[in-house]
N, C-alpha and C. Protein backbone atom coordinates (compact mmCIF):
# COMPACT_ATOMS: atom_id res chain seq x y z
N UNK A 1 -2.43 18.81 48.32
CA UNK A 1 -2.44 19.38 47.22
C UNK A 1 -1.83 19.63 45.47
N UNK A 2 -0.80 19.01 46.27
CA UNK A 2 0.26 18.74 45.09
C UNK A 2 -0.53 17.93 44.02
N UNK A 3 -1.00 16.92 44.86
CA UNK A 3 -1.56 15.57 44.01
C UNK A 3 -2.50 16.39 42.71
N UNK A 4 -3.77 17.26 43.71
CA UNK A 4 -5.10 17.31 42.53
C UNK A 4 -3.98 18.17 41.50
N UNK A 5 -2.94 19.43 41.67
CA UNK A 5 -2.75 19.48 40.27
C UNK A 5 -1.71 18.65 39.62
N UNK A 6 -1.20 17.82 39.91
CA UNK A 6 -0.21 16.63 39.15
C UNK A 6 -1.68 16.01 37.73
N UNK A 7 -2.77 15.95 38.92
CA UNK A 7 -3.91 15.18 38.40
C UNK A 7 -5.06 16.01 37.29
N UNK A 8 -4.45 17.29 37.03
CA UNK A 8 -5.32 17.91 36.43
C UNK A 8 -4.26 18.52 35.17
N UNK A 9 -3.11 18.55 35.21
CA UNK A 9 -2.23 18.34 34.39
C UNK A 9 -2.49 17.31 33.32
N UNK A 10 -2.22 15.42 34.18
CA UNK A 10 -2.34 14.95 33.53
C UNK A 10 -3.59 14.74 32.48
N UNK A 11 -4.09 15.46 33.29
CA UNK A 11 -5.68 15.55 32.19
C UNK A 11 -6.20 16.08 31.32
N UNK A 12 -5.55 17.38 31.70
CA UNK A 12 -5.34 18.62 30.26
C UNK A 12 -4.37 17.63 29.41
N UNK A 13 -3.38 17.67 29.57
CA UNK A 13 -2.57 16.97 28.42
C UNK A 13 -3.46 16.00 27.80
N UNK A 14 -4.21 15.18 28.36
CA UNK A 14 -4.73 13.64 27.61
C UNK A 14 -6.04 14.29 26.85
N UNK A 15 -6.47 15.28 27.33
CA UNK A 15 -7.24 16.70 26.72
C UNK A 15 -6.57 16.74 25.10
N UNK A 16 -5.56 17.29 25.12
CA UNK A 16 -5.03 17.80 23.78
C UNK A 16 -4.88 16.97 23.22
N UNK A 17 -4.08 15.80 24.09
CA UNK A 17 -4.09 14.93 22.75
C UNK A 17 -5.06 14.00 22.09
N UNK A 18 -6.37 13.67 23.00
CA UNK A 18 -7.34 13.35 22.52
C UNK A 18 -7.69 14.11 21.00
N UNK A 19 -7.85 15.56 21.32
CA UNK A 19 -7.86 16.70 20.49
C UNK A 19 -7.33 16.41 19.41
N UNK A 20 -5.63 16.38 18.97
CA UNK A 20 -4.86 16.45 17.94
C UNK A 20 -4.88 15.09 17.31
N UNK A 21 -5.19 14.07 18.32
CA UNK A 21 -5.93 12.80 17.91
C UNK A 21 -7.08 12.82 16.55
N UNK A 22 -8.11 13.37 16.98
CA UNK A 22 -9.16 13.25 16.74
C UNK A 22 -8.97 14.26 15.42
N UNK A 23 -8.06 15.42 15.30
CA UNK A 23 -7.89 16.08 13.97
C UNK A 23 -7.29 15.19 12.98
N UNK A 24 -6.23 14.53 13.44
CA UNK A 24 -5.44 13.32 12.51
C UNK A 24 -6.48 13.01 11.61
N UNK A 25 -7.23 12.36 12.81
CA UNK A 25 -8.29 10.95 11.96
C UNK A 25 -9.20 12.14 10.87
N UNK A 26 -9.75 13.07 11.46
CA UNK A 26 -10.81 13.60 10.75
C UNK A 26 -10.11 14.16 9.28
N UNK A 27 -8.68 14.77 9.76
CA UNK A 27 -7.74 15.15 8.53
C UNK A 27 -7.66 13.98 7.19
N UNK A 28 -7.09 12.65 7.94
CA UNK A 28 -7.11 11.77 7.24
C UNK A 28 -8.32 10.81 6.33
N UNK A 29 -9.33 11.38 7.47
CA UNK A 29 -10.83 10.42 6.97
C UNK A 29 -11.21 11.81 5.26
N UNK A 30 -10.65 13.19 5.68
CA UNK A 30 -10.87 14.21 4.68
C UNK A 30 -10.55 13.76 3.36
N UNK A 31 -9.33 12.91 2.79
CA UNK A 31 -8.33 12.97 2.59
C UNK A 31 -8.90 11.95 1.66
N UNK A 32 -9.40 10.93 2.49
CA UNK A 32 -10.14 8.97 2.14
C UNK A 32 -10.93 10.04 1.29
N UNK A 33 -11.85 10.68 1.31
CA UNK A 33 -13.55 10.70 0.91
C UNK A 33 -12.83 11.67 -0.11
N UNK A 34 -12.04 12.44 -0.29
CA UNK A 34 -12.04 13.00 -1.41
C UNK A 34 -11.43 12.03 -2.93
N UNK A 35 -10.51 11.26 -2.22
CA UNK A 35 -9.41 10.46 -3.15
C UNK A 35 -10.84 9.50 -3.94
N UNK A 36 -11.40 9.15 -3.10
CA UNK A 36 -12.50 8.52 -3.21
C UNK A 36 -13.54 8.94 -4.40
N UNK A 37 -13.94 10.05 -3.70
CA UNK A 37 -14.87 11.14 -5.17
C UNK A 37 -14.12 11.32 -6.42
N UNK A 38 -12.69 11.20 -6.30
CA UNK A 38 -11.94 11.18 -6.94
C UNK A 38 -11.96 10.54 -8.11
N UNK A 39 -11.64 9.49 -7.49
CA UNK A 39 -12.25 7.87 -8.28
C UNK A 39 -13.49 7.83 -8.75
N UNK A 40 -14.24 8.38 -8.12
CA UNK A 40 -15.83 7.80 -9.29
C UNK A 40 -16.22 8.75 -10.04
N UNK A 41 -15.36 10.00 -9.74
CA UNK A 41 -15.55 11.33 -10.85
C UNK A 41 -14.67 11.04 -12.48
N UNK A 42 -13.54 10.29 -12.16
CA UNK A 42 -12.71 9.48 -13.65
C UNK A 42 -13.89 8.60 -13.97
N UNK A 43 -14.31 7.75 -12.87
CA UNK A 43 -14.92 6.70 -13.56
C UNK A 43 -15.96 7.35 -14.67
N UNK A 44 -16.89 7.96 -13.66
CA UNK A 44 -17.95 8.61 -14.52
C UNK A 44 -17.43 8.97 -16.06
N UNK A 45 -16.13 10.24 -15.89
CA UNK A 45 -15.76 10.22 -17.15
C UNK A 45 -15.52 9.27 -17.88
N UNK A 46 -14.68 8.24 -17.62
CA UNK A 46 -14.41 7.42 -18.86
C UNK A 46 -15.18 6.54 -19.34
N UNK A 47 -16.73 6.19 -18.12
CA UNK A 47 -17.68 5.77 -18.76
C UNK A 47 -18.19 6.15 -20.04
N UNK A 48 -18.51 8.28 -19.65
CA UNK A 48 -18.83 8.88 -20.54
C UNK A 48 -18.37 9.33 -21.46
N UNK A 49 -16.57 9.24 -21.88
CA UNK A 49 -16.40 9.10 -22.99
C UNK A 49 -16.53 7.71 -23.55
N UNK A 50 -16.57 6.91 -23.02
CA UNK A 50 -16.54 5.62 -23.84
C UNK A 50 -17.83 5.03 -24.47
N UNK A 51 -19.09 5.65 -23.72
CA UNK A 51 -20.38 5.59 -24.53
C UNK A 51 -20.37 6.89 -25.46
N UNK A 52 -20.11 8.10 -25.45
CA UNK A 52 -19.38 8.98 -27.04
C UNK A 52 -19.11 8.51 -27.75
N UNK A 53 -17.36 7.72 -27.30
CA UNK A 53 -16.71 7.07 -28.31
C UNK A 53 -17.99 5.82 -29.60
N UNK A 54 -18.34 5.41 -28.91
CA UNK A 54 -19.68 4.44 -29.25
C UNK A 54 -21.03 4.60 -30.18
N UNK A 55 -21.01 5.40 -29.36
CA UNK A 55 -23.03 6.11 -29.83
C UNK A 55 -23.31 7.06 -29.90
N UNK A 56 -21.81 8.04 -30.54
CA UNK A 56 -21.69 9.33 -30.51
C UNK A 56 -21.98 9.89 -31.61
N UNK A 57 -22.03 8.67 -33.13
CA UNK A 57 -22.82 8.68 -34.12
C UNK A 57 -24.00 9.22 -34.42
N UNK A 58 -24.30 8.79 -32.89
CA UNK A 58 -26.17 8.52 -32.93
C UNK A 58 -27.17 10.10 -32.96
N UNK A 59 -25.91 11.21 -32.02
CA UNK A 59 -26.21 12.64 -31.61
C UNK A 59 -26.22 13.21 -32.90
N UNK A 60 -26.87 14.16 -33.04
CA UNK A 60 -26.67 15.08 -33.96
C UNK A 60 -25.84 16.47 -34.13
């Protein structure tokens, strides 16, 4: 009886640890995706500003 209880506690702790690690991985991956999106937004804005500074005189 005691062996079954300790196995359940061990499995429960492993499940909790797996959920915590899964949350950490998703949190870090969300930050990485946000940084990549921010990089591309700044890149597009920079190219747009460069295009406007070069060819802005063509626009009325």
